[in-house]
């Protein structure tokens, strides 16, 4: 699970076993404490989450939006982008 970004208590990462052939679009996983979330990257939208308050989730989403281009580039570099 390569970590691609850390912001405060949040670790942003990919599952190394994932690949583009299963049909999921580029996405990022986020974990901290007991919370977990997953966001699609293009366009940015929440996929799943648990353990975060609505305020934390909104904060994480702002981080994903602000770093979307870097996260997408890292996704494509890691998974052999187009």
PDB file of N, CA and C in Angstrom:
ATOM      1  N   UNK A   1       0.835  -1.173   0.000  1.00  0.00           N
ATOM      2  CA  UNK A   1       0.000   0.000   0.000  1.00  0.00           C
ATOM      3  C   UNK A   1       0.886   1.244   0.000  1.00  0.00           C
ATOM      4  N   UNK A   2       1.271   1.705  -1.164  1.00  0.00           N
ATOM      5  CA  UNK A   2       2.143   2.882  -1.204  1.00  0.00           C
ATOM      6  C   UNK A   2       1.419   4.148  -0.743  1.00  0.00           C
ATOM      7  N   UNK A   3       2.032   4.844   0.201  1.00  0.00           N
ATOM      8  CA  UNK A   3       1.511   6.131   0.646  1.00  0.00           C
ATOM      9  C   UNK A   3       1.913   7.168  -0.390  1.00  0.00           C
ATOM     10  N   UNK A   4       0.938   7.931  -0.856  1.00  0.00           N
ATOM     11  CA  UNK A   4       1.229   8.944  -1.871  1.00  0.00           C
ATOM     12  C   UNK A   4       1.147  10.366  -1.332  1.00  0.00           C
ATOM     13  N   UNK A   5       0.551  10.522  -0.147  1.00  0.00           N
ATOM     14  CA  UNK A   5       0.433  11.856   0.426  1.00  0.00           C
ATOM     15  C   UNK A   5       0.066  11.720   1.897  1.00  0.00           C
ATOM     16  N   UNK A   6       0.594  12.625   2.710  1.00  0.00           N
ATOM     17  CA  UNK A   6       0.193  12.737   4.113  1.00  0.00           C
ATOM     18  C   UNK A   6      -0.172  14.189   4.363  1.00  0.00           C
ATOM     19  N   UNK A   7      -1.290  14.382   5.016  1.00  0.00           N
ATOM     20  CA  UNK A   7      -1.711  15.719   5.378  1.00  0.00           C
ATOM     21  C   UNK A   7      -2.299  15.630   6.773  1.00  0.00           C
ATOM     22  N   UNK A   8      -1.627  16.211   7.746  1.00  0.00           N
ATOM     23  CA  UNK A   8      -2.091  16.086   9.126  1.00  0.00           C
ATOM     24  C   UNK A   8      -2.169  14.615   9.499  1.00  0.00           C
ATOM     25  N   UNK A   9      -3.287  14.190  10.071  1.00  0.00           N
ATOM     26  CA  UNK A   9      -3.408  12.791  10.493  1.00  0.00           C
ATOM     27  C   UNK A   9      -3.786  11.830   9.358  1.00  0.00           C
ATOM     28  N   UNK A  10      -4.006  12.350   8.162  1.00  0.00           N
ATOM     29  CA  UNK A  10      -4.539  11.546   7.064  1.00  0.00           C
ATOM     30  C   UNK A  10      -3.437  10.970   6.180  1.00  0.00           C
ATOM     31  N   UNK A  11      -3.547   9.691   5.908  1.00  0.00           N
ATOM     32  CA  UNK A  11      -2.625   9.022   4.987  1.00  0.00           C
ATOM     33  C   UNK A  11      -3.409   8.675   3.724  1.00  0.00           C
ATOM     34  N   UNK A  12      -2.922   9.136   2.584  1.00  0.00           N
ATOM     35  CA  UNK A  12      -3.551   8.888   1.290  1.00  0.00           C
ATOM     36  C   UNK A  12      -2.737   7.809   0.587  1.00  0.00           C
ATOM     37  N   UNK A  13      -3.392   6.766   0.101  1.00  0.00           N
ATOM     38  CA  UNK A  13      -2.659   5.628  -0.446  1.00  0.00           C
ATOM     39  C   UNK A  13      -3.461   4.889  -1.503  1.00  0.00           C
ATOM     40  N   UNK A  14      -2.746   4.040  -2.257  1.00  0.00           N
ATOM     41  CA  UNK A  14      -3.351   3.100  -3.208  1.00  0.00           C
ATOM     42  C   UNK A  14      -3.152   1.704  -2.652  1.00  0.00           C
ATOM     43  N   UNK A  15      -4.045   0.797  -2.984  1.00  0.00           N
ATOM     44  CA  UNK A  15      -3.817  -0.621  -2.724  1.00  0.00           C
ATOM     45  C   UNK A  15      -2.969  -1.123  -3.877  1.00  0.00           C
ATOM     46  N   UNK A  16      -1.840  -1.696  -3.589  1.00  0.00           N
ATOM     47  CA  UNK A  16      -0.942  -2.129  -4.663  1.00  0.00           C
ATOM     48  C   UNK A  16      -1.522  -3.286  -5.462  1.00  0.00           C
ATOM     49  N   UNK A  17      -2.473  -4.021  -4.914  1.00  0.00           N
ATOM     50  CA  UNK A  17      -3.078  -5.150  -5.628  1.00  0.00           C
ATOM     51  C   UNK A  17      -4.134  -4.688  -6.635  1.00  0.00           C
ATOM     52  N   UNK A  18      -4.553  -3.440  -6.539  1.00  0.00           N
ATOM     53  CA  UNK A  18      -5.561  -2.937  -7.478  1.00  0.00           C
ATOM     54  C   UNK A  18      -4.935  -2.744  -8.843  1.00  0.00           C
ATOM     55  N   UNK A  19      -5.766  -2.817  -9.838  1.00  0.00           N
ATOM     56  CA  UNK A  19      -5.270  -2.458 -11.169  1.00  0.00           C
ATOM     57  C   UNK A  19      -6.416  -1.917 -11.990  1.00  0.00           C
ATOM     58  N   UNK A  20      -6.080  -1.289 -13.064  1.00  0.00           N
ATOM     59  CA  UNK A  20      -7.086  -0.625 -13.896  1.00  0.00           C
ATOM     60  C   UNK A  20      -7.946  -1.609 -14.666  1.00  0.00           C
ATOM     61  N   UNK A  21      -7.506  -2.842 -14.779  1.00  0.00           N
ATOM     62  CA  UNK A  21      -8.258  -3.810 -15.569  1.00  0.00           C
ATOM     63  C   UNK A  21      -9.573  -4.222 -14.921  1.00  0.00           C
ATOM     64  N   UNK A  22      -9.752  -3.964 -13.621  1.00  0.00           N
ATOM     65  CA  UNK A  22     -11.000  -4.354 -12.977  1.00  0.00           C
ATOM     66  C   UNK A  22     -12.104  -3.332 -13.226  1.00  0.00           C
ATOM     67  N   UNK A  23     -11.789  -2.270 -13.941  1.00  0.00           N
ATOM     68  CA  UNK A  23     -12.812  -1.327 -14.364  1.00  0.00           C
ATOM     69  C   UNK A  23     -13.084  -0.179 -13.411  1.00  0.00           C
ATOM     70  N   UNK A  24     -12.366  -0.086 -12.298  1.00  0.00           N
ATOM     71  CA  UNK A  24     -12.579   1.049 -11.413  1.00  0.00           C
ATOM     72  C   UNK A  24     -11.759   2.233 -11.903  1.00  0.00           C
ATOM     73  N   UNK A  25     -12.349   3.408 -11.882  1.00  0.00           N
ATOM     74  CA  UNK A  25     -11.589   4.593 -12.287  1.00  0.00           C
ATOM     75  C   UNK A  25     -10.537   4.927 -11.240  1.00  0.00           C
ATOM     76  N   UNK A  26      -9.616   5.842 -11.557  1.00  0.00           N
ATOM     77  CA  UNK A  26      -8.607   6.246 -10.583  1.00  0.00           C
ATOM     78  C   UNK A  26      -9.255   6.713  -9.279  1.00  0.00           C
ATOM     79  N   UNK A  27      -8.686   6.265  -8.165  1.00  0.00           N
ATOM     80  CA  UNK A  27      -9.225   6.621  -6.864  1.00  0.00           C
ATOM     81  C   UNK A  27      -8.125   6.575  -5.814  1.00  0.00           C
ATOM     82  N   UNK A  28      -8.432   7.161  -4.665  1.00  0.00           N
ATOM     83  CA  UNK A  28      -7.479   7.234  -3.556  1.00  0.00           C
ATOM     84  C   UNK A  28      -8.174   6.768  -2.278  1.00  0.00           C
ATOM     85  N   UNK A  29      -7.422   6.052  -1.453  1.00  0.00           N
ATOM     86  CA  UNK A  29      -7.900   5.627  -0.143  1.00  0.00           C
ATOM     87  C   UNK A  29      -7.307   6.568   0.895  1.00  0.00           C
ATOM     88  N   UNK A  30      -8.061   6.823   1.961  1.00  0.00           N
ATOM     89  CA  UNK A  30      -7.613   7.707   3.030  1.00  0.00           C
ATOM     90  C   UNK A  30      -7.883   7.013   4.360  1.00  0.00           C
ATOM     91  N   UNK A  31      -6.894   7.062   5.256  1.00  0.00           N
ATOM     92  CA  UNK A  31      -7.074   6.439   6.564  1.00  0.00           C
ATOM     93  C   UNK A  31      -6.430   7.308   7.633  1.00  0.00           C
ATOM     94  N   UNK A  32      -7.092   7.337   8.784  1.00  0.00           N
ATOM     95  CA  UNK A  32      -6.533   7.941   9.993  1.00  0.00           C
ATOM     96  C   UNK A  32      -7.344   7.414  11.162  1.00  0.00           C
ATOM     97  N   UNK A  33      -6.663   7.122  12.260  1.00  0.00           N
ATOM     98  CA  UNK A  33      -7.379   6.622  13.430  1.00  0.00           C
ATOM     99  C   UNK A  33      -8.324   5.505  13.046  1.00  0.00           C
ATOM    100  N   UNK A  34      -9.600   5.662  13.403  1.00  0.00           N
ATOM    101  CA  UNK A  34     -10.615   4.664  13.073  1.00  0.00           C
ATOM    102  C   UNK A  34     -11.381   5.003  11.804  1.00  0.00           C
ATOM    103  N   UNK A  35     -10.976   6.045  11.097  1.00  0.00           N
ATOM    104  CA  UNK A  35     -11.694   6.473   9.901  1.00  0.00           C
ATOM    105  C   UNK A  35     -11.078   5.936   8.623  1.00  0.00           C
ATOM    106  N   UNK A  36     -11.942   5.785   7.622  1.00  0.00           N
ATOM    107  CA  UNK A  36     -11.514   5.325   6.301  1.00  0.00           C
ATOM    108  C   UNK A  36     -12.419   5.985   5.271  1.00  0.00           C
ATOM    109  N   UNK A  37     -11.850   6.352   4.134  1.00  0.00           N
ATOM    110  CA  UNK A  37     -12.642   6.893   3.027  1.00  0.00           C
ATOM    111  C   UNK A  37     -11.968   6.530   1.716  1.00  0.00           C
ATOM    112  N   UNK A  38     -12.758   6.567   0.668  1.00  0.00           N
ATOM    113  CA  UNK A  38     -12.252   6.343  -0.684  1.00  0.00           C
ATOM    114  C   UNK A  38     -12.921   7.377  -1.585  1.00  0.00           C
ATOM    115  N   UNK A  39     -12.117   7.987  -2.465  1.00  0.00           N
ATOM    116  CA  UNK A  39     -12.624   9.009  -3.375  1.00  0.00           C
ATOM    117  C   UNK A  39     -12.240   8.671  -4.801  1.00  0.00           C
ATOM    118  N   UNK A  40     -13.190   8.792  -5.728  1.00  0.00           N
ATOM    119  CA  UNK A  40     -12.847   8.775  -7.144  1.00  0.00           C
ATOM    120  C   UNK A  40     -12.084  10.069  -7.401  1.00  0.00           C
ATOM    121  N   UNK A  41     -11.198  10.064  -8.374  1.00  0.00           N
ATOM    122  CA  UNK A  41     -10.384  11.251  -8.645  1.00  0.00           C
ATOM    123  C   UNK A  41     -10.809  12.042  -9.869  1.00  0.00           C
ATOM    124  N   UNK A  42     -11.606  11.455 -10.753  1.00  0.00           N
ATOM    125  CA  UNK A  42     -11.946  12.166 -11.973  1.00  0.00           C
ATOM    126  C   UNK A  42     -13.385  11.870 -12.404  1.00  0.00           C
ATOM    127  N   UNK A  43     -14.335  12.683 -12.005  1.00  0.00           N
ATOM    128  CA  UNK A  43     -14.224  13.839 -11.129  1.00  0.00           C
ATOM    129  C   UNK A  43     -14.137  13.387  -9.668  1.00  0.00           C
ATOM    130  N   UNK A  44     -13.724  14.300  -8.796  1.00  0.00           N
ATOM    131  CA  UNK A  44     -13.627  13.965  -7.382  1.00  0.00           C
ATOM    132  C   UNK A  44     -15.024  13.767  -6.819  1.00  0.00           C
ATOM    133  N   UNK A  45     -15.231  12.612  -6.227  1.00  0.00           N
ATOM    134  CA  UNK A  45     -16.485  12.342  -5.513  1.00  0.00           C
ATOM    135  C   UNK A  45     -16.251  11.207  -4.529  1.00  0.00           C
ATOM    136  N   UNK A  46     -17.023  11.227  -3.478  1.00  0.00           N
ATOM    137  CA  UNK A  46     -16.891  10.208  -2.444  1.00  0.00           C
ATOM    138  C   UNK A  46     -17.401   8.863  -2.952  1.00  0.00           C
ATOM    139  N   UNK A  47     -16.662   7.830  -2.649  1.00  0.00           N
ATOM    140  CA  UNK A  47     -17.059   6.476  -3.043  1.00  0.00           C
ATOM    141  C   UNK A  47     -17.604   5.717  -1.836  1.00  0.00           C
ATOM    142  N   UNK A  48     -16.825   5.722  -0.737  1.00  0.00           N
ATOM    143  CA  UNK A  48     -17.269   5.080   0.501  1.00  0.00           C
ATOM    144  C   UNK A  48     -16.522   5.701   1.668  1.00  0.00           C
ATOM    145  N   UNK A  49     -17.078   5.549   2.855  1.00  0.00           N
ATOM    146  CA  UNK A  49     -16.446   6.101   4.044  1.00  0.00           C
ATOM    147  C   UNK A  49     -17.067   5.495   5.286  1.00  0.00           C
ATOM    148  N   UNK A  50     -16.289   5.568   6.377  1.00  0.00           N
ATOM    149  CA  UNK A  50     -16.787   5.174   7.690  1.00  0.00           C
ATOM    150  C   UNK A  50     -15.871   5.782   8.748  1.00  0.00           C
ATOM    151  N   UNK A  51     -16.441   6.068   9.889  1.00  0.00           N
ATOM    152  CA  UNK A  51     -15.655   6.536  11.018  1.00  0.00           C
ATOM    153  C   UNK A  51     -15.293   8.001  11.033  1.00  0.00           C
ATOM    154  N   UNK A  52     -15.691   8.765  10.028  1.00  0.00           N
ATOM    155  CA  UNK A  52     -15.415  10.194  10.000  1.00  0.00           C
ATOM    156  C   UNK A  52     -16.693  10.979  10.252  1.00  0.00           C
ATOM    157  N   UNK A  53     -16.551  12.109  10.926  1.00  0.00           N
ATOM    158  CA  UNK A  53     -17.689  13.012  11.082  1.00  0.00           C
ATOM    159  C   UNK A  53     -17.906  13.719   9.745  1.00  0.00           C
ATOM    160  N   UNK A  54     -19.084  14.294   9.536  1.00  0.00           N
ATOM    161  CA  UNK A  54     -19.298  15.055   8.300  1.00  0.00           C
ATOM    162  C   UNK A  54     -18.265  16.170   8.110  1.00  0.00           C
ATOM    163  N   UNK A  55     -17.853  16.796   9.193  1.00  0.00           N
ATOM    164  CA  UNK A  55     -16.855  17.864   9.105  1.00  0.00           C
ATOM    165  C   UNK A  55     -15.495  17.316   8.651  1.00  0.00           C
ATOM    166  N   UNK A  56     -15.064  16.176   9.222  1.00  0.00           N
ATOM    167  CA  UNK A  56     -13.803  15.561   8.806  1.00  0.00           C
ATOM    168  C   UNK A  56     -13.859  15.146   7.347  1.00  0.00           C
ATOM    169  N   UNK A  57     -14.966  14.553   6.951  1.00  0.00           N
ATOM    170  CA  UNK A  57     -15.123  14.104   5.571  1.00  0.00           C
ATOM    171  C   UNK A  57     -15.047  15.279   4.601  1.00  0.00           C
ATOM    172  N   UNK A  58     -15.666  16.393   4.946  1.00  0.00           N
ATOM    173  CA  UNK A  58     -15.598  17.586   4.093  1.00  0.00           C
ATOM    174  C   UNK A  58     -14.163  18.101   4.017  1.00  0.00           C
ATOM    175  N   UNK A  59     -13.438  18.060   5.122  1.00  0.00           N
ATOM    176  CA  UNK A  59     -12.043  18.503   5.138  1.00  0.00           C
ATOM    177  C   UNK A  59     -11.186  17.606   4.249  1.00  0.00           C
ATOM    178  N   UNK A  60     -11.383  16.299   4.356  1.00  0.00           N
ATOM    179  CA  UNK A  60     -10.632  15.355   3.523  1.00  0.00           C
ATOM    180  C   UNK A  60     -10.950  15.584   2.051  1.00  0.00           C
ATOM    181  N   UNK A  61     -12.214  15.802   1.738  1.00  0.00           N
ATOM    182  CA  UNK A  61     -12.592  16.036   0.346  1.00  0.00           C
ATOM    183  C   UNK A  61     -11.918  17.296  -0.203  1.00  0.00           C
ATOM    184  N   UNK A  62     -11.804  18.334   0.615  1.00  0.00           N
ATOM    185  CA  UNK A  62     -11.106  19.550   0.174  1.00  0.00           C
ATOM    186  C   UNK A  62      -9.631  19.252  -0.124  1.00  0.00           C
ATOM    187  N   UNK A  63      -9.016  18.398   0.687  1.00  0.00           N
ATOM    188  CA  UNK A  63      -7.624  18.010   0.450  1.00  0.00           C
ATOM    189  C   UNK A  63      -7.506  17.266  -0.870  1.00  0.00           C
ATOM    190  N   UNK A  64      -8.429  16.333  -1.114  1.00  0.00           N
ATOM    191  CA  UNK A  64      -8.403  15.562  -2.367  1.00  0.00           C
ATOM    192  C   UNK A  64      -8.566  16.500  -3.558  1.00  0.00           C
ATOM    193  N   UNK A  65      -9.502  17.427  -3.481  1.00  0.00           N
ATOM    194  CA  UNK A  65      -9.715  18.376  -4.579  1.00  0.00           C
ATOM    195  C   UNK A  65      -8.458  19.213  -4.805  1.00  0.00           C
ATOM    196  N   UNK A  66      -7.862  19.700  -3.735  1.00  0.00           N
ATOM    197  CA  UNK A  66      -6.684  20.560  -3.856  1.00  0.00           C
ATOM    198  C   UNK A  66      -5.478  19.829  -4.437  1.00  0.00           C
ATOM    199  N   UNK A  67      -5.376  18.516  -4.205  1.00  0.00           N
ATOM    200  CA  UNK A  67      -4.227  17.733  -4.656  1.00  0.00           C
ATOM    201  C   UNK A  67      -4.577  16.743  -5.759  1.00  0.00           C
ATOM    202  N   UNK A  68      -5.732  16.928  -6.369  1.00  0.00           N
ATOM    203  CA  UNK A  68      -6.232  15.979  -7.366  1.00  0.00           C
ATOM    204  C   UNK A  68      -5.235  15.709  -8.485  1.00  0.00           C
ATOM    205  N   UNK A  69      -4.643  16.741  -9.046  1.00  0.00           N
ATOM    206  CA  UNK A  69      -3.726  16.547 -10.172  1.00  0.00           C
ATOM    207  C   UNK A  69      -2.521  15.702  -9.773  1.00  0.00           C
ATOM    208  N   UNK A  70      -1.972  15.961  -8.606  1.00  0.00           N
ATOM    209  CA  UNK A  70      -0.833  15.174  -8.129  1.00  0.00           C
ATOM    210  C   UNK A  70      -1.254  13.732  -7.875  1.00  0.00           C
ATOM    211  N   UNK A  71      -2.402  13.543  -7.242  1.00  0.00           N
ATOM    212  CA  UNK A  71      -2.885  12.193  -6.952  1.00  0.00           C
ATOM    213  C   UNK A  71      -3.143  11.409  -8.237  1.00  0.00           C
ATOM    214  N   UNK A  72      -3.730  12.070  -9.230  1.00  0.00           N
ATOM    215  CA  UNK A  72      -3.966  11.410 -10.524  1.00  0.00           C
ATOM    216  C   UNK A  72      -2.654  11.049 -11.210  1.00  0.00           C
ATOM    217  N   UNK A  73      -1.701  11.957 -11.151  1.00  0.00           N
ATOM    218  CA  UNK A  73      -0.399  11.677 -11.756  1.00  0.00           C
ATOM    219  C   UNK A  73       0.268  10.481 -11.055  1.00  0.00           C
ATOM    220  N   UNK A  74       0.192  10.451  -9.737  1.00  0.00           N
ATOM    221  CA  UNK A  74       0.773   9.328  -8.998  1.00  0.00           C
ATOM    222  C   UNK A  74       0.054   8.022  -9.333  1.00  0.00           C
ATOM    223  N   UNK A  75      -1.277   8.084  -9.471  1.00  0.00           N
ATOM    224  CA  UNK A  75      -2.052   6.898  -9.870  1.00  0.00           C
ATOM    225  C   UNK A  75      -1.546   6.378 -11.212  1.00  0.00           C
ATOM    226  N   UNK A  76      -1.462   7.280 -12.189  1.00  0.00           N
ATOM    227  CA  UNK A  76      -1.036   6.884 -13.527  1.00  0.00           C
ATOM    228  C   UNK A  76       0.408   6.375 -13.535  1.00  0.00           C
ATOM    229  N   UNK A  77       1.278   6.992 -12.763  1.00  0.00           N
ATOM    230  CA  UNK A  77       2.657   6.508 -12.669  1.00  0.00           C
ATOM    231  C   UNK A  77       2.704   5.104 -12.050  1.00  0.00           C
ATOM    232  N   UNK A  78       1.951   4.900 -10.994  1.00  0.00           N
ATOM    233  CA  UNK A  78       1.977   3.631 -10.271  1.00  0.00           C
ATOM    234  C   UNK A  78       1.332   2.500 -11.068  1.00  0.00           C
ATOM    235  N   UNK A  79       0.177   2.777 -11.676  1.00  0.00           N
ATOM    236  CA  UNK A  79      -0.568   1.733 -12.369  1.00  0.00           C
ATOM    237  C   UNK A  79      -0.347   1.724 -13.879  1.00  0.00           C
ATOM    238  N   UNK A  80       0.625   2.482 -14.348  1.00  0.00           N
ATOM    239  CA  UNK A  80       0.923   2.468 -15.785  1.00  0.00           C
ATOM    240  C   UNK A  80      -0.134   3.194 -16.581  1.00  0.00           C
ATOM    241  N   UNK A  81      -0.286   4.463 -16.300  1.00  0.00           N
ATOM    242  CA  UNK A  81      -1.314   5.296 -16.949  1.00  0.00           C
ATOM    243  C   UNK A  81      -1.241   5.288 -18.449  1.00  0.00           C
ATOM    244  N   UNK A  82      -2.237   5.843 -19.023  1.00  0.00           N
ATOM    245  CA  UNK A  82      -2.422   5.799 -20.468  1.00  0.00           C
ATOM    246  C   UNK A  82      -1.475   6.724 -21.190  1.00  0.00           C
TER     247      UNK A  82
END
